[in-house]
C-alpha atoms as a PDB file:
ATOM      1  CA  MET A   1      86.255 105.847  59.923  1.00  0.00           C
ATOM      2  CA  SER A   2      87.304 102.552  58.379  1.00  0.00           C
ATOM      3  CA  THR A   3      87.169  99.154  60.015  1.00  0.00           C
ATOM      4  CA  GLY A   4      90.970  98.966  59.771  1.00  0.00           C
ATOM      5  CA  THR A   5      91.315 102.236  61.669  1.00  0.00           C
ATOM      6  CA  THR A   6      88.873 101.049  64.316  1.00  0.00           C
ATOM      7  CA  ASN A   7      90.664  97.693  64.671  1.00  0.00           C
ATOM      8  CA  ARG A   8      94.049  99.414  64.948  1.00  0.00           C
ATOM      9  CA  ALA A   9      92.664 101.727  67.640  1.00  0.00           C
ATOM     10  CA  ALA A  10      91.248  98.753  69.573  1.00  0.00           C
ATOM     11  CA  ARG A  11      94.625  96.950  69.384  1.00  0.00           C
ATOM     12  CA  ARG A  12      96.464 100.072  70.594  1.00  0.00           C
ATOM     13  CA  ALA A  13      93.962 100.467  73.434  1.00  0.00           C
ATOM     14  CA  ALA A  14      94.343  96.827  74.478  1.00  0.00           C
ATOM     15  CA  GLY A  15      98.142  96.981  74.313  1.00  0.00           C
ATOM     16  CA  ALA A  16      98.483 100.237  76.215  1.00  0.00           C
ATOM     17  CA  THR A  17      96.005  99.357  78.936  1.00  0.00           C
ATOM     18  CA  SER A  18      97.499  95.871  79.331  1.00  0.00           C
ATOM     19  CA  LEU A  19     100.855  97.544  79.966  1.00  0.00           C
ATOM     20  CA  PHE A  20      99.303 100.009  82.422  1.00  0.00           C
ATOM     21  CA  ALA A  21      97.396  97.237  84.218  1.00  0.00           C
ATOM     22  CA  ALA A  22     100.551  95.124  84.491  1.00  0.00           C
ATOM     23  CA  ALA A  23     102.448  98.116  85.885  1.00  0.00           C
ATOM     24  CA  GLY A  24      99.705  98.648  88.466  1.00  0.00           C
ATOM     25  CA  VAL A  25      99.742  94.992  89.527  1.00  0.00           C
ATOM     26  CA  ALA A  26     103.552  95.018  89.743  1.00  0.00           C
ATOM     27  CA  SER A  27     103.440  98.151  91.872  1.00  0.00           C
ATOM     28  CA  ALA A  28     100.801  96.656  94.179  1.00  0.00           C
ATOM     29  CA  CYS A  29     102.811  93.419  94.517  1.00  0.00           C
ATOM     30  CA  ARG A  30     105.879  95.339  95.687  1.00  0.00           C
ATOM     31  CA  GLY A  31     104.048  95.714  98.938  1.00  0.00           C
ATOM     32  CA  SER A  32     102.637  98.728 100.625  1.00  0.00           C
ATOM     33  CA  PRO A  33     103.012  99.849 104.197  1.00  0.00           C
ATOM     34  CA  ASP A  34      99.426 101.099 104.516  1.00  0.00           C
ATOM     35  CA  TRP A  35      96.703  99.293 102.568  1.00  0.00           C
ATOM     36  CA  VAL A  36      94.005 101.544 104.042  1.00  0.00           C
ATOM     37  CA  VAL A  37      95.510 104.307 101.907  1.00  0.00           C
ATOM     38  CA  SER A  38      96.902 102.234  99.032  1.00  0.00           C
ATOM     39  CA  ALA A  39      93.817 100.097  98.346  1.00  0.00           C
ATOM     40  CA  PRO A  40      91.591 103.008  97.279  1.00  0.00           C
ATOM     41  CA  LEU A  41      94.414 104.339  95.098  1.00  0.00           C
ATOM     42  CA  GLY A  42      94.742 100.911  93.474  1.00  0.00           C
ATOM     43  CA  VAL A  43      91.022 100.735  92.741  1.00  0.00           C
ATOM     44  CA  ALA A  44      91.042 104.330  91.451  1.00  0.00           C
ATOM     45  CA  TYR A  45      93.973 103.393  89.207  1.00  0.00           C
ATOM     46  CA  ALA A  46      92.119 100.316  87.916  1.00  0.00           C
ATOM     47  CA  LEU A  47      89.075 102.463  87.096  1.00  0.00           C
ATOM     48  CA  LEU A  48      91.343 104.893  85.268  1.00  0.00           C
ATOM     49  CA  VAL A  49      92.764 102.010  83.214  1.00  0.00           C
ATOM     50  CA  VAL A  50      89.221 101.012  82.155  1.00  0.00           C
ATOM     51  CA  ASN A  51      88.449 104.605  81.191  1.00  0.00           C
ATOM     52  CA  THR A  52      91.762 104.874  79.341  1.00  0.00           C
ATOM     53  CA  TYR A  53      90.981 101.801  77.259  1.00  0.00           C
ATOM     54  CA  CYS A  54      87.749 103.423  76.097  1.00  0.00           C
ATOM     55  CA  SER A  55      89.498 106.728  75.435  1.00  0.00           C
ATOM     56  CA  ILE A  56      92.335 105.247  73.374  1.00  0.00           C
ATOM     57  CA  ARG A  57      89.916 103.068  71.411  1.00  0.00           C
ATOM     58  CA  CYS A  58      87.686 106.051  70.613  1.00  0.00           C
ATOM     59  CA  PHE A  59      90.259 108.736  69.906  1.00  0.00           C
ATOM     60  CA  GLY A  60      92.784 106.390  68.313  1.00  0.00           C
ATOM     61  CA  ALA A  61      90.237 105.821  65.564  1.00  0.00           C
ATOM     62  CA  ILE A  62      89.736 109.529  64.791  1.00  0.00           C
ATOM     63  CA  ILE A  63      93.127 111.174  65.408  1.00  0.00           C
ATOM     64  CA  PRO A  64      95.190 111.016  62.212  1.00  0.00           C
ATOM     65  CA  PRO A  65      98.414 109.041  62.792  1.00  0.00           C
ATOM     66  CA  GLU A  66     100.495 111.678  60.990  1.00  0.00           C
ATOM     67  CA  LEU A  67      99.981 114.228  63.780  1.00  0.00           C
ATOM     68  CA  ARG A  68     103.428 113.955  65.374  1.00  0.00           C
ATOM     69  CA  THR A  69     102.579 116.249  68.279  1.00  0.00           C
ATOM     70  CA  GLN A  70      99.803 113.843  69.270  1.00  0.00           C
ATOM     71  CA  ARG A  71     102.165 110.864  69.103  1.00  0.00           C
ATOM     72  CA  LEU A  72     104.701 112.712  71.273  1.00  0.00           C
ATOM     73  CA  LEU A  73     101.968 113.548  73.787  1.00  0.00           C
ATOM     74  CA  ASP A  74     100.924 109.876  73.770  1.00  0.00           C
ATOM     75  CA  VAL A  75     104.479 108.926  74.787  1.00  0.00           C
ATOM     76  CA  VAL A  76     104.445 111.545  77.568  1.00  0.00           C
ATOM     77  CA  LEU A  77     101.040 110.282  78.738  1.00  0.00           C
ATOM     78  CA  GLY A  78     102.275 106.674  78.687  1.00  0.00           C
ATOM     79  CA  ALA A  79     105.342 107.525  80.759  1.00  0.00           C
ATOM     80  CA  THR A  80     103.210 109.530  83.177  1.00  0.00           C
ATOM     81  CA  TYR A  81     100.789 106.631  83.450  1.00  0.00           C
ATOM     82  CA  LEU A  82     103.636 104.287  84.398  1.00  0.00           C
ATOM     83  CA  ALA A  83     104.790 106.805  87.010  1.00  0.00           C
ATOM     84  CA  LEU A  84     101.229 106.856  88.355  1.00  0.00           C
ATOM     85  CA  ALA A  85     101.315 103.069  88.707  1.00  0.00           C
ATOM     86  CA  GLY A  86     104.569 103.374  90.621  1.00  0.00           C
ATOM     87  CA  SER A  87     103.018 105.779  93.104  1.00  0.00           C
ATOM     88  CA  LEU A  88     100.196 103.578  94.412  1.00  0.00           C
ATOM     89  CA  GLY A  89     101.694 103.562  97.911  1.00  0.00           C
ATOM     90  CA  ASP A  90     102.049 107.348  98.196  1.00  0.00           C
ATOM     91  CA  PRO A  91      98.872 109.468  98.010  1.00  0.00           C
ATOM     92  CA  VAL A  92     100.785 112.741  97.674  1.00  0.00           C
ATOM     93  CA  ARG A  93     102.808 111.471  94.731  1.00  0.00           C
ATOM     94  CA  PHE A  94      99.769 109.708  93.247  1.00  0.00           C
ATOM     95  CA  ALA A  95      97.755 112.941  93.299  1.00  0.00           C
ATOM     96  CA  ALA A  96     100.662 114.964  91.878  1.00  0.00           C
ATOM     97  CA  VAL A  97     101.298 112.519  89.040  1.00  0.00           C
ATOM     98  CA  GLY A  98      97.530 112.248  88.452  1.00  0.00           C
ATOM     99  CA  ALA A  99      97.314 116.034  88.131  1.00  0.00           C
ATOM    100  CA  LEU A 100     100.133 115.942  85.586  1.00  0.00           C
ATOM    101  CA  LEU A 101      98.477 113.096  83.679  1.00  0.00           C
ATOM    102  CA  PHE A 102      95.153 114.932  83.419  1.00  0.00           C
ATOM    103  CA  ALA A 103      96.831 118.254  82.576  1.00  0.00           C
ATOM    104  CA  VAL A 104      98.787 116.683  79.701  1.00  0.00           C
ATOM    105  CA  ALA A 105      95.622 114.926  78.490  1.00  0.00           C
ATOM    106  CA  THR A 106      93.719 118.219  78.602  1.00  0.00           C
ATOM    107  CA  PHE A 107      96.460 119.841  76.516  1.00  0.00           C
ATOM    108  CA  LYS A 108      96.530 116.904  74.060  1.00  0.00           C
ATOM    109  CA  TYR A 109      92.822 117.119  73.286  1.00  0.00           C
ATOM    110  CA  ALA A 110      92.675 120.924  73.385  1.00  0.00           C
ATOM    111  CA  LEU A 111      95.256 120.955  70.577  1.00  0.00           C
ATOM    112  CA  LEU A 112      92.806 118.976  68.428  1.00  0.00           C
ATOM    113  CA  LEU A 113      89.920 121.434  68.803  1.00  0.00           C
ATOM    114  CA  GLY A 114      89.196 122.882  65.382  1.00  0.00           C
ATOM    115  CA  ARG A 115      91.370 120.266  63.654  1.00  0.00           C
ATOM    116  CA  LEU A 116      88.931 117.328  63.725  1.00  0.00           C
ATOM    117  CA  ASP A 117      85.257 117.013  62.871  1.00  0.00           C
ATOM    118  CA  ALA A 118      84.455 115.793  66.385  1.00  0.00           C
ATOM    119  CA  ALA A 119      84.262 119.231  68.050  1.00  0.00           C
ATOM    120  CA  GLU A 120      81.568 118.279  70.590  1.00  0.00           C
ATOM    121  CA  LEU A 121      83.366 115.075  71.574  1.00  0.00           C
ATOM    122  CA  LEU A 122      86.703 116.872  71.946  1.00  0.00           C
ATOM    123  CA  ALA A 123      85.216 119.731  73.948  1.00  0.00           C
ATOM    124  CA  ARG A 124      83.612 117.278  76.357  1.00  0.00           C
ATOM    125  CA  LYS A 125      86.870 115.304  76.672  1.00  0.00           C
ATOM    126  CA  VAL A 126      88.735 118.537  77.472  1.00  0.00           C
ATOM    127  CA  ARG A 127      86.157 119.379  80.161  1.00  0.00           C
ATOM    128  CA  VAL A 128      86.365 115.898  81.701  1.00  0.00           C
ATOM    129  CA  ASP A 129      90.177 115.965  81.779  1.00  0.00           C
ATOM    130  CA  THR A 130      90.152 119.489  83.209  1.00  0.00           C
ATOM    131  CA  VAL A 131      87.925 118.289  86.037  1.00  0.00           C
ATOM    132  CA  GLY A 132      90.340 115.380  86.566  1.00  0.00           C
ATOM    133  CA  THR A 133      93.198 117.876  86.867  1.00  0.00           C
ATOM    134  CA  ILE A 134      91.308 119.976  89.401  1.00  0.00           C
ATOM    135  CA  VAL A 135      90.273 116.943  91.471  1.00  0.00           C
ATOM    136  CA  SER A 136      93.873 115.680  91.504  1.00  0.00           C
ATOM    137  CA  VAL A 137      95.219 119.075  92.586  1.00  0.00           C
ATOM    138  CA  VAL A 138      92.654 119.247  95.405  1.00  0.00           C
ATOM    139  CA  ALA A 139      93.623 115.691  96.458  1.00  0.00           C
ATOM    140  CA  LEU A 140      97.276 116.734  96.360  1.00  0.00           C
ATOM    141  CA  VAL A 141      96.581 119.641  98.710  1.00  0.00           C
ATOM    142  CA  VAL A 142      94.512 117.454 101.048  1.00  0.00           C
ATOM    143  CA  ALA A 143      97.106 114.643 101.099  1.00  0.00           C
ATOM    144  CA  SER A 144     100.045 117.018 101.557  1.00  0.00           C
ATOM    145  CA  ARG A 145      98.319 118.515 104.602  1.00  0.00           C
ATOM    146  CA  GLY A 146      98.365 115.117 106.289  1.00  0.00           C
ATOM    147  CA  TYR A 147      94.959 113.777 105.280  1.00  0.00           C
ATOM    148  CA  GLU A 148      96.283 111.032 103.016  1.00  0.00           C
ATOM    149  CA  GLN A 149      93.492 108.564 103.735  1.00  0.00           C
ATOM    150  CA  ALA A 150      90.804 111.177 103.006  1.00  0.00           C
ATOM    151  CA  ALA A 151      92.571 112.145  99.775  1.00  0.00           C
ATOM    152  CA  ALA A 152      92.863 108.504  98.667  1.00  0.00           C
ATOM    153  CA  TRP A 153      89.220 107.702  99.369  1.00  0.00           C
ATOM    154  CA  GLY A 154      88.119 110.987  97.821  1.00  0.00           C
ATOM    155  CA  LEU A 155      90.031 110.198  94.638  1.00  0.00           C
ATOM    156  CA  LEU A 156      88.420 106.766  94.510  1.00  0.00           C
ATOM    157  CA  GLY A 157      84.909 108.126  95.070  1.00  0.00           C
ATOM    158  CA  LEU A 158      85.226 110.881  92.499  1.00  0.00           C
ATOM    159  CA  ASN A 159      86.906 108.573  89.980  1.00  0.00           C
ATOM    160  CA  ALA A 160      84.120 106.013  90.383  1.00  0.00           C
ATOM    161  CA  ALA A 161      81.463 108.710  89.958  1.00  0.00           C
ATOM    162  CA  ALA A 162      83.231 110.095  86.885  1.00  0.00           C
ATOM    163  CA  ASN A 163      83.432 106.619  85.328  1.00  0.00           C
ATOM    164  CA  LEU A 164      79.724 106.059  85.929  1.00  0.00           C
ATOM    165  CA  VAL A 165      78.979 109.312  84.133  1.00  0.00           C
ATOM    166  CA  VAL A 166      81.355 109.045  81.152  1.00  0.00           C
ATOM    167  CA  LEU A 167      81.038 105.307  80.565  1.00  0.00           C
ATOM    168  CA  TRP A 168      77.338 104.675  81.244  1.00  0.00           C
ATOM    169  CA  TRP A 169      75.104 107.619  82.137  1.00  0.00           C
ATOM    170  CA  LYS A 170      76.283 110.073  79.457  1.00  0.00           C
ATOM    171  CA  PRO A 171      78.739 108.036  77.398  1.00  0.00           C
ATOM    172  CA  LEU A 172      81.703 110.093  76.293  1.00  0.00           C
ATOM    173  CA  TYR A 173      83.505 107.680  74.030  1.00  0.00           C
ATOM    174  CA  ARG A 174      81.055 107.470  71.159  1.00  0.00           C
ATOM    175  CA  VAL A 175      81.777 109.158  67.872  1.00  0.00           C
ATOM    176  CA  ARG A 176      78.621 110.789  66.528  1.00  0.00           C
ATOM    177  CA  ARG A 177      78.112 110.382  62.805  1.00  0.00           C
END
């Protein structure tokens, strides 16, 4: 992995997450009828943006730019991310869009298994995103049954725990050489 590739990945990560953060702030500034529900979703979203920066920086340096399917999936993920930002006031929609986001991410990285030298890293990323999909689907069920506050706080708690694990306790975004 060259320094140029690493620098390009860091620039892409900064650009994408700046856009996602700005979308989240704009969504929060639109106003929300129930901050008890929206605040935990906003914090969960912010934690996801931090995690996404690390993910794009790491994988952007090892995924060859000529893989068009990956670039297309990046566009789908970006659009889904913006939809997630727009759903900060609605726990049902937030959980549904979150499930879609994690499902697409799982698919994106599963497609790379066997194509890159980072098999262990990719397998772990697929597992983490699969868990994110499952958690979001469970939150969707809980929120759609009328327990929106419980779903929002549950998403925040599980997202915070996941970030502690993948960013500090057992760092995910490190390429082993």
